[in-house]
Amino acid sequence: MRGLGAGQRIFELRERPPAIPLTGVAVPPTARGPIVFENVSFEYPSRKGVEVLKDFNLKLEVGESVAIVCVF
C-alpha cells in the first residue's frame, strides 16, 4: 500500500506549479548551433544574496551532452 501512496505523491509533485517561474523565449526545433552561457549568475528566490552561480561561462557545441552537478 505504501507504493500506491508514493505513486500518488509523484503525480501530485509533477502537477505542482514550479517554485521558480520559467522565463525566456521558445526556441524553434529547427534552430541549430552552439549554446553559449556568458557571465551567468543565479540565486534562488528563497535565498537572496546567496549566489549559486557567479560569472558562469559555458559553450555547448551541437551534439554535445553535459551534466552539471553542484556539490555543497
N, C-alpha and C. Protein backbone atom coordinates (compact mmCIF):
# COMPACT_ATOMS: atom_id res chain seq x y z
N MET A 1 0.80 -1.21 0.00
CA MET A 1 0.00 0.00 0.00
C MET A 1 0.85 1.27 0.00
N ARG A 2 2.02 1.20 0.61
CA ARG A 2 2.87 2.39 0.64
C ARG A 2 3.29 2.80 -0.77
N GLY A 3 3.45 1.78 -1.65
CA GLY A 3 3.82 2.08 -3.04
C GLY A 3 2.76 2.89 -3.75
N LEU A 4 1.49 2.60 -3.47
CA LEU A 4 0.40 3.36 -4.08
C LEU A 4 0.43 4.82 -3.61
N GLY A 5 0.67 5.01 -2.33
CA GLY A 5 0.75 6.37 -1.80
C GLY A 5 1.91 7.13 -2.38
N ALA A 6 3.05 6.44 -2.54
CA ALA A 6 4.22 7.10 -3.12
C ALA A 6 3.96 7.46 -4.58
N GLY A 7 3.30 6.57 -5.31
CA GLY A 7 2.98 6.85 -6.71
C GLY A 7 2.06 8.05 -6.84
N GLN A 8 1.07 8.13 -5.95
CA GLN A 8 0.15 9.27 -5.97
C GLN A 8 0.90 10.56 -5.69
N ARG A 9 1.84 10.52 -4.76
CA ARG A 9 2.62 11.72 -4.41
C ARG A 9 3.46 12.19 -5.58
N ILE A 10 4.01 11.26 -6.35
CA ILE A 10 4.81 11.63 -7.53
C ILE A 10 3.95 12.40 -8.52
N PHE A 11 2.73 11.92 -8.78
CA PHE A 11 1.85 12.62 -9.70
C PHE A 11 1.45 14.00 -9.16
N GLU A 12 1.26 14.12 -7.87
CA GLU A 12 0.96 15.43 -7.28
C GLU A 12 2.13 16.39 -7.50
N LEU A 13 3.35 15.91 -7.32
CA LEU A 13 4.52 16.77 -7.50
C LEU A 13 4.68 17.19 -8.96
N ARG A 14 4.39 16.29 -9.87
CA ARG A 14 4.51 16.62 -11.30
C ARG A 14 3.53 17.71 -11.72
N GLU A 15 2.36 17.75 -11.09
CA GLU A 15 1.32 18.71 -11.45
C GLU A 15 1.46 20.04 -10.73
N ARG A 16 2.31 20.09 -9.73
CA ARG A 16 2.51 21.31 -8.94
C ARG A 16 3.22 22.37 -9.78
N PRO A 17 2.78 23.64 -9.71
CA PRO A 17 3.49 24.69 -10.45
C PRO A 17 4.90 24.87 -9.87
N PRO A 18 5.87 25.20 -10.71
CA PRO A 18 7.24 25.34 -10.22
C PRO A 18 7.39 26.52 -9.26
N ALA A 19 8.26 26.35 -8.25
CA ALA A 19 8.52 27.42 -7.29
C ALA A 19 9.27 28.56 -7.95
N ILE A 20 10.10 28.23 -8.93
CA ILE A 20 10.85 29.24 -9.69
C ILE A 20 10.17 29.35 -11.05
N PRO A 21 9.59 30.51 -11.37
CA PRO A 21 8.87 30.64 -12.64
C PRO A 21 9.81 30.47 -13.83
N LEU A 22 9.29 29.80 -14.86
CA LEU A 22 10.07 29.64 -16.08
C LEU A 22 9.96 30.91 -16.91
N THR A 23 11.09 31.38 -17.38
CA THR A 23 11.10 32.59 -18.20
C THR A 23 11.93 32.33 -19.44
N GLY A 24 11.82 33.18 -20.40
CA GLY A 24 12.62 33.05 -21.61
C GLY A 24 11.73 32.97 -22.83
N VAL A 25 12.34 32.62 -23.94
CA VAL A 25 11.61 32.52 -25.20
C VAL A 25 11.72 31.09 -25.72
N ALA A 26 10.71 30.69 -26.46
CA ALA A 26 10.73 29.36 -27.06
C ALA A 26 11.75 29.32 -28.20
N VAL A 27 12.47 28.22 -28.29
CA VAL A 27 13.45 28.04 -29.36
C VAL A 27 12.84 27.11 -30.39
N PRO A 28 12.80 27.54 -31.66
CA PRO A 28 12.21 26.67 -32.68
C PRO A 28 13.04 25.39 -32.84
N PRO A 29 12.38 24.26 -33.13
CA PRO A 29 13.10 22.99 -33.24
C PRO A 29 14.11 22.97 -34.38
N THR A 30 13.99 23.91 -35.31
CA THR A 30 14.93 23.95 -36.44
C THR A 30 16.21 24.71 -36.10
N ALA A 31 16.26 25.35 -34.94
CA ALA A 31 17.44 26.11 -34.54
C ALA A 31 18.60 25.16 -34.29
N ARG A 32 19.75 25.46 -34.85
CA ARG A 32 20.95 24.64 -34.67
C ARG A 32 22.12 25.57 -34.42
N GLY A 33 23.10 25.06 -33.75
CA GLY A 33 24.29 25.85 -33.47
C GLY A 33 24.67 25.70 -32.02
N PRO A 34 25.77 26.29 -31.64
CA PRO A 34 26.22 26.17 -30.25
C PRO A 34 25.30 26.94 -29.31
N ILE A 35 25.29 26.51 -28.06
CA ILE A 35 24.59 27.22 -26.99
C ILE A 35 25.66 27.81 -26.09
N VAL A 36 25.55 29.11 -25.83
CA VAL A 36 26.59 29.81 -25.08
C VAL A 36 25.96 30.50 -23.87
N PHE A 37 26.53 30.26 -22.70
CA PHE A 37 26.18 30.99 -21.48
C PHE A 37 27.38 31.85 -21.13
N GLU A 38 27.16 33.15 -20.97
CA GLU A 38 28.26 34.06 -20.64
C GLU A 38 27.92 34.87 -19.40
N ASN A 39 28.80 34.80 -18.42
CA ASN A 39 28.68 35.59 -17.19
C ASN A 39 27.31 35.43 -16.52
N VAL A 40 26.84 34.19 -16.41
CA VAL A 40 25.54 33.91 -15.81
C VAL A 40 25.69 33.86 -14.29
N SER A 41 24.78 34.53 -13.61
CA SER A 41 24.71 34.48 -12.15
C SER A 41 23.30 34.06 -11.76
N PHE A 42 23.17 33.34 -10.65
CA PHE A 42 21.86 32.84 -10.23
C PHE A 42 21.82 32.71 -8.72
N GLU A 43 20.67 33.07 -8.16
CA GLU A 43 20.39 32.82 -6.75
C GLU A 43 18.93 32.42 -6.65
N TYR A 44 18.62 31.52 -5.72
CA TYR A 44 17.25 31.10 -5.52
C TYR A 44 16.45 32.22 -4.88
N PRO A 45 15.18 32.40 -5.27
CA PRO A 45 14.36 33.46 -4.67
C PRO A 45 14.27 33.34 -3.15
N SER A 46 14.33 32.13 -2.64
CA SER A 46 14.22 31.94 -1.19
C SER A 46 15.53 32.17 -0.45
N ARG A 47 16.63 32.37 -1.18
CA ARG A 47 17.95 32.58 -0.54
C ARG A 47 18.62 33.81 -1.14
N LYS A 48 17.98 34.95 -1.01
CA LYS A 48 18.51 36.19 -1.56
C LYS A 48 19.91 36.46 -1.05
N GLY A 49 20.80 36.85 -1.95
CA GLY A 49 22.16 37.18 -1.57
C GLY A 49 23.11 36.00 -1.55
N VAL A 50 22.61 34.77 -1.76
CA VAL A 50 23.47 33.59 -1.80
C VAL A 50 23.54 33.13 -3.25
N GLU A 51 24.62 33.48 -3.93
CA GLU A 51 24.76 33.14 -5.33
C GLU A 51 25.15 31.68 -5.51
N VAL A 52 24.36 30.96 -6.29
CA VAL A 52 24.67 29.57 -6.60
C VAL A 52 25.62 29.53 -7.80
N LEU A 53 25.39 30.41 -8.76
CA LEU A 53 26.29 30.59 -9.90
C LEU A 53 26.75 32.04 -9.92
N LYS A 54 28.02 32.25 -10.22
CA LYS A 54 28.54 33.60 -10.32
C LYS A 54 29.51 33.65 -11.49
N ASP A 55 29.19 34.50 -12.48
CA ASP A 55 30.02 34.66 -13.67
C ASP A 55 30.32 33.31 -14.33
N PHE A 56 29.30 32.47 -14.47
CA PHE A 56 29.41 31.13 -15.06
C PHE A 56 29.46 31.25 -16.58
N ASN A 57 30.40 30.57 -17.21
CA ASN A 57 30.55 30.56 -18.66
C ASN A 57 30.58 29.12 -19.15
N LEU A 58 29.87 28.86 -20.26
CA LEU A 58 29.83 27.51 -20.82
C LEU A 58 29.44 27.60 -22.29
N LYS A 59 30.13 26.83 -23.13
CA LYS A 59 29.76 26.75 -24.54
C LYS A 59 29.54 25.28 -24.87
N LEU A 60 28.35 24.97 -25.40
CA LEU A 60 27.99 23.62 -25.79
C LEU A 60 27.90 23.56 -27.30
N GLU A 61 28.67 22.68 -27.90
CA GLU A 61 28.64 22.52 -29.34
C GLU A 61 27.47 21.60 -29.72
N VAL A 62 27.06 21.63 -30.98
CA VAL A 62 25.98 20.79 -31.48
C VAL A 62 26.32 19.33 -31.23
N GLY A 63 25.37 18.59 -30.66
CA GLY A 63 25.55 17.17 -30.40
C GLY A 63 26.28 16.84 -29.09
N GLU A 64 26.72 17.86 -28.39
CA GLU A 64 27.45 17.65 -27.14
C GLU A 64 26.46 17.53 -25.97
N SER A 65 26.75 16.63 -25.05
CA SER A 65 25.92 16.46 -23.85
C SER A 65 26.76 16.79 -22.63
N VAL A 66 26.17 17.50 -21.67
CA VAL A 66 26.89 17.90 -20.47
C VAL A 66 25.95 17.76 -19.27
N ALA A 67 26.49 17.28 -18.17
CA ALA A 67 25.76 17.22 -16.91
C ALA A 67 26.45 18.18 -15.93
N ILE A 68 25.66 18.99 -15.25
CA ILE A 68 26.19 19.92 -14.27
C ILE A 68 25.75 19.45 -12.89
N VAL A 69 26.70 19.21 -12.01
CA VAL A 69 26.40 18.72 -10.68
C VAL A 69 26.96 19.72 -9.67
N CYS A 70 26.09 20.19 -8.79
CA CYS A 70 26.53 21.12 -7.74
C CYS A 70 26.73 20.35 -6.45
N VAL A 71 27.85 20.54 -5.83
CA VAL A 71 28.15 19.90 -4.56
C VAL A 71 28.38 21.00 -3.53
N PHE A 72 27.65 20.93 -2.45
CA PHE A 72 27.78 21.96 -1.42
C PHE A 72 28.51 21.43 -0.22
